[in-house]
C-alpha atoms as a PDB file:
ATOM      1  CA  MET A   1      99.467  97.978  71.272  1.00  0.00           C
ATOM      2  CA  LEU A   2      99.720  94.341  70.128  1.00  0.00           C
ATOM      3  CA  GLU A   3      96.806  92.788  68.241  1.00  0.00           C
ATOM      4  CA  ILE A   4      96.636  89.172  67.096  1.00  0.00           C
ATOM      5  CA  ASP A   5      93.664  88.120  65.004  1.00  0.00           C
ATOM      6  CA  ASN A   6      92.813  84.540  63.984  1.00  0.00           C
ATOM      7  CA  LEU A   7      96.437  83.436  63.991  1.00  0.00           C
ATOM      8  CA  ASN A   8      97.237  79.977  62.641  1.00  0.00           C
ATOM      9  CA  VAL A   9     100.743  78.567  62.960  1.00  0.00           C
ATOM     10  CA  GLY A  10     102.132  75.092  62.436  1.00  0.00           C
ATOM     11  CA  TYR A  11     105.066  72.861  61.746  1.00  0.00           C
ATOM     12  CA  GLY A  12     104.391  70.978  58.537  1.00  0.00           C
ATOM     13  CA  SER A  13     100.978  69.377  58.923  1.00  0.00           C
ATOM     14  CA  PHE A  14     100.920  69.901  62.696  1.00  0.00           C
ATOM     15  CA  ILE A  15      98.789  72.859  63.821  1.00  0.00           C
ATOM     16  CA  ALA A  16     100.454  74.517  66.829  1.00  0.00           C
ATOM     17  CA  LEU A  17      98.153  77.552  67.093  1.00  0.00           C
ATOM     18  CA  ASN A  18      94.549  77.431  65.925  1.00  0.00           C
ATOM     19  CA  ASN A  19      92.659  80.704  65.363  1.00  0.00           C
ATOM     20  CA  ILE A  20      94.386  82.539  68.203  1.00  0.00           C
ATOM     21  CA  SER A  21      93.166  86.077  68.907  1.00  0.00           C
ATOM     22  CA  LEU A  22      94.448  88.254  71.733  1.00  0.00           C
ATOM     23  CA  HIS A  23      95.535  91.791  72.492  1.00  0.00           C
ATOM     24  CA  VAL A  24      97.923  93.570  74.821  1.00  0.00           C
ATOM     25  CA  ASN A  25      97.260  97.190  75.733  1.00  0.00           C
ATOM     26  CA  ALA A  26     100.063  99.654  76.398  1.00  0.00           C
ATOM     27  CA  GLY A  27     101.110  99.549  80.051  1.00  0.00           C
ATOM     28  CA  GLU A  28      99.662  96.096  80.742  1.00  0.00           C
ATOM     29  CA  THR A  29     101.255  92.891  81.910  1.00  0.00           C
ATOM     30  CA  VAL A  30      99.356  90.039  80.252  1.00  0.00           C
ATOM     31  CA  GLY A  31      99.884  86.344  80.940  1.00  0.00           C
ATOM     32  CA  VAL A  32      99.589  83.361  78.626  1.00  0.00           C
ATOM     33  CA  ILE A  33      99.185  80.167  80.624  1.00  0.00           C
ATOM     34  CA  GLY A  34      98.516  76.567  79.771  1.00  0.00           C
ATOM     35  CA  PRO A  35      99.940  73.053  80.011  1.00  0.00           C
ATOM     36  CA  ASN A  36     103.120  71.923  78.264  1.00  0.00           C
ATOM     37  CA  GLY A  37     102.729  71.615  74.516  1.00  0.00           C
ATOM     38  CA  ALA A  38      99.718  73.930  74.369  1.00  0.00           C
ATOM     39  CA  GLY A  39     101.412  76.400  72.006  1.00  0.00           C
ATOM     40  CA  LYS A  40     102.610  79.132  74.377  1.00  0.00           C
ATOM     41  CA  THR A  41     106.218  79.277  73.198  1.00  0.00           C
ATOM     42  CA  THR A  42     105.083  79.015  69.580  1.00  0.00           C
ATOM     43  CA  LEU A  43     102.943  82.107  70.096  1.00  0.00           C
ATOM     44  CA  LEU A  44     105.912  84.220  71.194  1.00  0.00           C
ATOM     45  CA  ARG A  45     108.064  82.865  68.383  1.00  0.00           C
ATOM     46  CA  ALA A  46     105.383  83.806  65.872  1.00  0.00           C
ATOM     47  CA  ILE A  47     105.215  87.348  67.256  1.00  0.00           C
ATOM     48  CA  SER A  48     109.009  87.593  66.999  1.00  0.00           C
ATOM     49  CA  GLY A  49     108.969  86.368  63.413  1.00  0.00           C
ATOM     50  CA  MET A  50     110.994  83.272  64.282  1.00  0.00           C
ATOM     51  CA  ILE A  51     108.480  80.940  62.670  1.00  0.00           C
ATOM     52  CA  PRO A  52     106.209  81.626  59.676  1.00  0.00           C
ATOM     53  CA  ILE A  53     102.478  81.904  60.121  1.00  0.00           C
ATOM     54  CA  TYR A  54      99.926  80.059  57.991  1.00  0.00           C
ATOM     55  CA  SER A  55      97.241  82.722  58.217  1.00  0.00           C
ATOM     56  CA  GLY A  56      95.924  85.491  60.424  1.00  0.00           C
ATOM     57  CA  GLU A  57      97.271  88.877  61.397  1.00  0.00           C
ATOM     58  CA  ILE A  58      99.791  90.239  63.889  1.00  0.00           C
ATOM     59  CA  SER A  59      99.914  94.014  64.273  1.00  0.00           C
ATOM     60  CA  MET A  60     101.848  96.404  66.483  1.00  0.00           C
ATOM     61  CA  GLU A  61     100.430  99.853  67.149  1.00  0.00           C
ATOM     62  CA  GLY A  62      98.032  99.415  64.249  1.00  0.00           C
ATOM     63  CA  LYS A  63     100.642  98.335  61.682  1.00  0.00           C
ATOM     64  CA  SER A  64     100.822  94.827  60.244  1.00  0.00           C
ATOM     65  CA  MET A  65     103.886  92.799  61.183  1.00  0.00           C
ATOM     66  CA  THR A  66     102.968  89.734  59.180  1.00  0.00           C
ATOM     67  CA  SER A  67     105.754  90.155  56.601  1.00  0.00           C
ATOM     68  CA  VAL A  68     108.384  91.715  58.886  1.00  0.00           C
ATOM     69  CA  LEU A  69     111.705  89.844  58.966  1.00  0.00           C
ATOM     70  CA  PRO A  70     112.907  88.497  62.337  1.00  0.00           C
ATOM     71  CA  HIS A  71     115.916  90.837  62.602  1.00  0.00           C
ATOM     72  CA  GLU A  72     113.625  93.817  62.013  1.00  0.00           C
ATOM     73  CA  ILE A  73     111.273  93.029  64.896  1.00  0.00           C
ATOM     74  CA  ILE A  74     113.479  94.813  67.421  1.00  0.00           C
ATOM     75  CA  ASN A  75     113.081  98.069  65.482  1.00  0.00           C
ATOM     76  CA  TRP A  76     109.326  97.766  66.053  1.00  0.00           C
ATOM     77  CA  GLY A  77     109.896  98.020  69.790  1.00  0.00           C
ATOM     78  CA  ILE A  78     109.582  94.320  70.598  1.00  0.00           C
ATOM     79  CA  ALA A  79     112.185  92.366  72.582  1.00  0.00           C
ATOM     80  CA  HIS A  80     112.067  88.666  73.400  1.00  0.00           C
ATOM     81  CA  VAL A  81     113.456  86.882  76.461  1.00  0.00           C
ATOM     82  CA  PRO A  82     113.530  83.342  75.054  1.00  0.00           C
ATOM     83  CA  GLU A  83     112.938  80.065  76.798  1.00  0.00           C
ATOM     84  CA  ASN A  84     116.153  78.724  78.398  1.00  0.00           C
ATOM     85  CA  ARG A  85     117.815  82.147  78.150  1.00  0.00           C
ATOM     86  CA  ARG A  86     119.796  81.407  74.940  1.00  0.00           C
ATOM     87  CA  LEU A  87     122.907  83.296  76.016  1.00  0.00           C
ATOM     88  CA  PHE A  88     126.228  83.085  74.190  1.00  0.00           C
ATOM     89  CA  LYS A  89     127.976  81.260  77.000  1.00  0.00           C
ATOM     90  CA  HIS A  90     131.582  81.863  75.918  1.00  0.00           C
ATOM     91  CA  MET A  91     131.009  85.607  75.589  1.00  0.00           C
ATOM     92  CA  THR A  92     131.106  87.934  78.572  1.00  0.00           C
ATOM     93  CA  VAL A  93     128.033  89.264  80.325  1.00  0.00           C
ATOM     94  CA  GLU A  94     128.592  92.711  78.843  1.00  0.00           C
ATOM     95  CA  GLU A  95     129.060  91.319  75.338  1.00  0.00           C
ATOM     96  CA  ASN A  96     125.765  89.445  75.664  1.00  0.00           C
ATOM     97  CA  LEU A  97     124.048  92.601  76.858  1.00  0.00           C
ATOM     98  CA  GLU A  98     125.436  94.657  73.996  1.00  0.00           C
ATOM     99  CA  LEU A  99     123.905  92.221  71.529  1.00  0.00           C
ATOM    100  CA  GLY A 100     120.527  93.554  72.658  1.00  0.00           C
ATOM    101  CA  SER A 101     121.472  96.834  70.941  1.00  0.00           C
ATOM    102  CA  PHE A 102     122.936  95.290  67.777  1.00  0.00           C
ATOM    103  CA  SER A 103     120.650  97.268  65.468  1.00  0.00           C
ATOM    104  CA  PRO A 104     122.215 100.474  64.047  1.00  0.00           C
ATOM    105  CA  PHE A 105     119.015 102.206  65.136  1.00  0.00           C
ATOM    106  CA  LEU A 106     119.817 101.369  68.775  1.00  0.00           C
ATOM    107  CA  ARG A 107     123.612 101.568  69.014  1.00  0.00           C
ATOM    108  CA  LYS A 108     123.684 105.266  69.856  1.00  0.00           C
ATOM    109  CA  ASN A 109     122.016 104.515  73.206  1.00  0.00           C
ATOM    110  CA  VAL A 110     124.040 101.434  74.158  1.00  0.00           C
ATOM    111  CA  TYR A 111     125.927 103.024  77.055  1.00  0.00           C
ATOM    112  CA  LYS A 112     122.789 104.630  78.454  1.00  0.00           C
ATOM    113  CA  GLN A 113     120.991 101.290  78.368  1.00  0.00           C
ATOM    114  CA  LEU A 114     123.963  99.484  79.909  1.00  0.00           C
ATOM    115  CA  GLU A 115     123.801 101.909  82.797  1.00  0.00           C
ATOM    116  CA  PHE A 116     120.083 101.224  83.173  1.00  0.00           C
ATOM    117  CA  VAL A 117     120.580  97.433  83.135  1.00  0.00           C
ATOM    118  CA  TYR A 118     123.465  97.584  85.621  1.00  0.00           C
ATOM    119  CA  ASP A 119     121.364  99.744  87.917  1.00  0.00           C
ATOM    120  CA  LEU A 120     118.528  97.223  87.656  1.00  0.00           C
ATOM    121  CA  PHE A 121     120.868  94.240  88.061  1.00  0.00           C
ATOM    122  CA  PRO A 122     123.918  95.228  90.145  1.00  0.00           C
ATOM    123  CA  ARG A 123     125.086  91.621  89.968  1.00  0.00           C
ATOM    124  CA  MET A 124     125.487  91.989  86.212  1.00  0.00           C
ATOM    125  CA  ALA A 125     127.781  94.978  86.736  1.00  0.00           C
ATOM    126  CA  GLU A 126     129.870  92.859  89.095  1.00  0.00           C
ATOM    127  CA  ARG A 127     130.006  90.020  86.552  1.00  0.00           C
ATOM    128  CA  LYS A 128     130.289  92.047  83.345  1.00  0.00           C
ATOM    129  CA  ARG A 129     133.712  90.622  82.394  1.00  0.00           C
ATOM    130  CA  GLN A 130     132.725  87.081  83.326  1.00  0.00           C
ATOM    131  CA  ALA A 131     131.724  84.455  80.743  1.00  0.00           C
ATOM    132  CA  ALA A 132     127.933  84.150  80.704  1.00  0.00           C
ATOM    133  CA  GLY A 133     128.153  80.363  80.845  1.00  0.00           C
ATOM    134  CA  THR A 134     129.749  80.504  84.288  1.00  0.00           C
ATOM    135  CA  LEU A 135     126.810  82.368  85.846  1.00  0.00           C
ATOM    136  CA  SER A 136     124.221  80.699  88.041  1.00  0.00           C
ATOM    137  CA  GLY A 137     120.799  79.980  86.562  1.00  0.00           C
ATOM    138  CA  GLY A 138     119.272  83.036  88.187  1.00  0.00           C
ATOM    139  CA  GLU A 139     122.115  85.265  87.017  1.00  0.00           C
ATOM    140  CA  GLN A 140     121.761  83.940  83.479  1.00  0.00           C
ATOM    141  CA  GLN A 141     118.090  84.844  83.553  1.00  0.00           C
ATOM    142  CA  MET A 142     118.984  88.348  84.724  1.00  0.00           C
ATOM    143  CA  CYS A 143     121.429  88.607  81.820  1.00  0.00           C
ATOM    144  CA  ALA A 144     118.789  87.432  79.326  1.00  0.00           C
ATOM    145  CA  ILE A 145     116.255  89.949  80.629  1.00  0.00           C
ATOM    146  CA  GLY A 146     118.902  92.666  80.648  1.00  0.00           C
ATOM    147  CA  ARG A 147     119.809  91.880  77.039  1.00  0.00           C
ATOM    148  CA  ALA A 148     116.166  92.335  76.011  1.00  0.00           C
ATOM    149  CA  LEU A 149     115.955  95.620  77.917  1.00  0.00           C
ATOM    150  CA  MET A 150     118.988  96.965  76.045  1.00  0.00           C
ATOM    151  CA  SER A 151     116.641  97.927  73.199  1.00  0.00           C
ATOM    152  CA  ASN A 152     114.347  99.858  75.585  1.00  0.00           C
ATOM    153  CA  PRO A 153     111.391  97.944  74.146  1.00  0.00           C
ATOM    154  CA  LYS A 154     107.781  99.036  73.990  1.00  0.00           C
ATOM    155  CA  LEU A 155     106.740  95.397  74.408  1.00  0.00           C
ATOM    156  CA  LEU A 156     108.718  92.782  76.336  1.00  0.00           C
ATOM    157  CA  LEU A 157     108.009  89.120  75.534  1.00  0.00           C
ATOM    158  CA  MET A 158     109.020  86.709  78.300  1.00  0.00           C
ATOM    159  CA  ASP A 159     109.009  82.947  77.767  1.00  0.00           C
ATOM    160  CA  GLU A 160     108.975  80.863  80.964  1.00  0.00           C
ATOM    161  CA  PRO A 161     111.333  83.152  82.941  1.00  0.00           C
ATOM    162  CA  SER A 162     110.964  80.958  86.043  1.00  0.00           C
ATOM    163  CA  ALA A 163     111.974  77.691  84.322  1.00  0.00           C
ATOM    164  CA  GLY A 164     114.653  75.737  86.157  1.00  0.00           C
ATOM    165  CA  LEU A 165     115.116  78.281  88.928  1.00  0.00           C
ATOM    166  CA  ALA A 166     114.959  77.866  92.699  1.00  0.00           C
ATOM    167  CA  PRO A 167     111.758  79.147  94.374  1.00  0.00           C
ATOM    168  CA  LEU A 168     113.513  82.150  95.950  1.00  0.00           C
ATOM    169  CA  ILE A 169     114.934  83.200  92.570  1.00  0.00           C
ATOM    170  CA  VAL A 170     111.536  82.679  90.935  1.00  0.00           C
ATOM    171  CA  GLU A 171     110.027  85.108  93.438  1.00  0.00           C
ATOM    172  CA  ARG A 172     112.701  87.673  92.599  1.00  0.00           C
ATOM    173  CA  ILE A 173     112.076  87.299  88.874  1.00  0.00           C
ATOM    174  CA  PHE A 174     108.335  87.836  89.292  1.00  0.00           C
ATOM    175  CA  ASN A 175     108.990  90.853  91.514  1.00  0.00           C
ATOM    176  CA  LEU A 176     111.224  92.194  88.766  1.00  0.00           C
ATOM    177  CA  VAL A 177     108.490  91.767  86.146  1.00  0.00           C
ATOM    178  CA  ASN A 178     106.114  93.644  88.429  1.00  0.00           C
ATOM    179  CA  ASP A 179     108.672  96.432  88.880  1.00  0.00           C
ATOM    180  CA  LEU A 180     109.226  96.691  85.123  1.00  0.00           C
ATOM    181  CA  ASN A 181     105.505  97.114  84.604  1.00  0.00           C
ATOM    182  CA  LYS A 182     105.461  99.891  87.213  1.00  0.00           C
ATOM    183  CA  LYS A 183     108.284 101.579  85.273  1.00  0.00           C
ATOM    184  CA  GLY A 184     106.006 101.663  82.235  1.00  0.00           C
ATOM    185  CA  TYR A 185     107.030  98.525  80.360  1.00  0.00           C
ATOM    186  CA  THR A 186     104.358  96.499  78.606  1.00  0.00           C
ATOM    187  CA  VAL A 187     104.879  92.770  79.136  1.00  0.00           C
ATOM    188  CA  LEU A 188     103.475  89.601  77.572  1.00  0.00           C
ATOM    189  CA  ILE A 189     104.615  86.690  79.727  1.00  0.00           C
ATOM    190  CA  VAL A 190     104.278  82.960  79.097  1.00  0.00           C
ATOM    191  CA  GLU A 191     104.409  80.930  82.310  1.00  0.00           C
ATOM    192  CA  GLN A 192     103.771  77.586  83.961  1.00  0.00           C
ATOM    193  CA  GLN A 193     103.695  79.035  87.480  1.00  0.00           C
ATOM    194  CA  VAL A 194     100.003  79.916  87.374  1.00  0.00           C
ATOM    195  CA  GLU A 195      99.446  81.159  90.916  1.00  0.00           C
ATOM    196  CA  GLN A 196     102.528  83.361  90.890  1.00  0.00           C
ATOM    197  CA  VAL A 197     101.942  84.822  87.442  1.00  0.00           C
ATOM    198  CA  LEU A 198      98.341  85.723  88.280  1.00  0.00           C
ATOM    199  CA  GLU A 199      99.756  87.868  91.081  1.00  0.00           C
ATOM    200  CA  ILE A 200     101.578  90.156  88.633  1.00  0.00           C
ATOM    201  CA  VAL A 201      99.416  90.268  85.487  1.00  0.00           C
ATOM    202  CA  GLN A 202      96.253  92.257  84.882  1.00  0.00           C
ATOM    203  CA  ARG A 203      94.755  89.770  82.429  1.00  0.00           C
ATOM    204  CA  ALA A 204      95.500  86.257  81.234  1.00  0.00           C
ATOM    205  CA  TYR A 205      94.741  83.862  78.402  1.00  0.00           C
ATOM    206  CA  LEU A 206      94.529  80.107  78.868  1.00  0.00           C
ATOM    207  CA  ILE A 207      95.761  78.023  75.918  1.00  0.00           C
ATOM    208  CA  GLU A 208      95.015  74.334  75.656  1.00  0.00           C
ATOM    209  CA  ALA A 209      95.590  72.097  72.627  1.00  0.00           C
ATOM    210  CA  SER A 210      96.552  75.078  70.424  1.00  0.00           C
ATOM    211  CA  ARG A 211      93.415  77.123  71.196  1.00  0.00           C
ATOM    212  CA  ILE A 212      92.529  79.874  73.642  1.00  0.00           C
ATOM    213  CA  ILE A 213      89.810  78.373  75.805  1.00  0.00           C
ATOM    214  CA  GLU A 214      89.521  81.042  78.501  1.00  0.00           C
ATOM    215  CA  GLU A 215      90.474  84.669  79.056  1.00  0.00           C
ATOM    216  CA  GLY A 216      89.795  87.365  81.601  1.00  0.00           C
ATOM    217  CA  ASP A 217      91.165  89.457  84.422  1.00  0.00           C
ATOM    218  CA  THR A 218      93.011  87.790  87.262  1.00  0.00           C
ATOM    219  CA  ASP A 219      90.019  87.577  89.611  1.00  0.00           C
ATOM    220  CA  TYR A 220      88.005  85.825  86.916  1.00  0.00           C
ATOM    221  CA  MET A 221      90.825  83.472  85.968  1.00  0.00           C
ATOM    222  CA  ARG A 222      91.463  82.375  89.546  1.00  0.00           C
ATOM    223  CA  LYS A 223      87.864  81.144  89.712  1.00  0.00           C
ATOM    224  CA  SER A 224      87.833  79.632  86.228  1.00  0.00           C
ATOM    225  CA  LYS A 225      86.702  76.001  86.104  1.00  0.00           C
ATOM    226  CA  LYS A 226      88.543  75.599  82.816  1.00  0.00           C
ATOM    227  CA  LEU A 227      91.784  76.726  84.429  1.00  0.00           C
ATOM    228  CA  ASN A 228      91.308  74.321  87.320  1.00  0.00           C
ATOM    229  CA  ALA A 229      90.566  71.508  84.896  1.00  0.00           C
ATOM    230  CA  ALA A 230      93.620  72.276  82.759  1.00  0.00           C
ATOM    231  CA  TYR A 231      96.028  72.203  85.684  1.00  0.00           C
ATOM    232  CA  MET A 232      94.379  70.183  88.406  1.00  0.00           C
ATOM    233  CA  GLY A 233      91.999  67.888  86.558  1.00  0.00           C
ATOM    234  CA  ILE A 234      88.989  69.123  88.541  1.00  0.00           C
END
């Protein structure tokens, strides 16, 4: 589904991603793990068209996305749950959700998708008239995920969905990602919680210092010396 080949991305003279190549097959949940500053968030932003790429190729279902404008990405079946949620805090929960279907291509299904999101997150139905900024951290994350699901995406990008949340809420979020995959969603998830994310993904890539230094299925990654060195210094 998603193919990235020799991707190079930077900010001025700083190289944030160096010859990154990875793929995500339809129906998979794939993890991107690595220490802070490794380039994980930059990778998702590049896929979403939020930052320009220096060189390389990003393709979705065999079609190049390299020159696609950021607001057009959603029409390619890609939705992004950004780091720190990025909700419009003075708008209501339902208004934030509806923004996930802002494209004219998607508006005809907005009420159907709202029903799906409210069924998935009953708390959002209860809070739909409430300002998003008054929600708890876990509820805000539910709203951010729900907003992305409003486009019924083929590929869901998730950037650190556990960040800043209590352990019990983190467990619920990971269970949700697992459930979404079982419902047929394809997910590319960036995470710091290595042990937990390896429980829900089929494969993972380890990024360190802007490069992919290890990749494999979860059994392989759990035993990886490079992974242990990156996180535990052993």
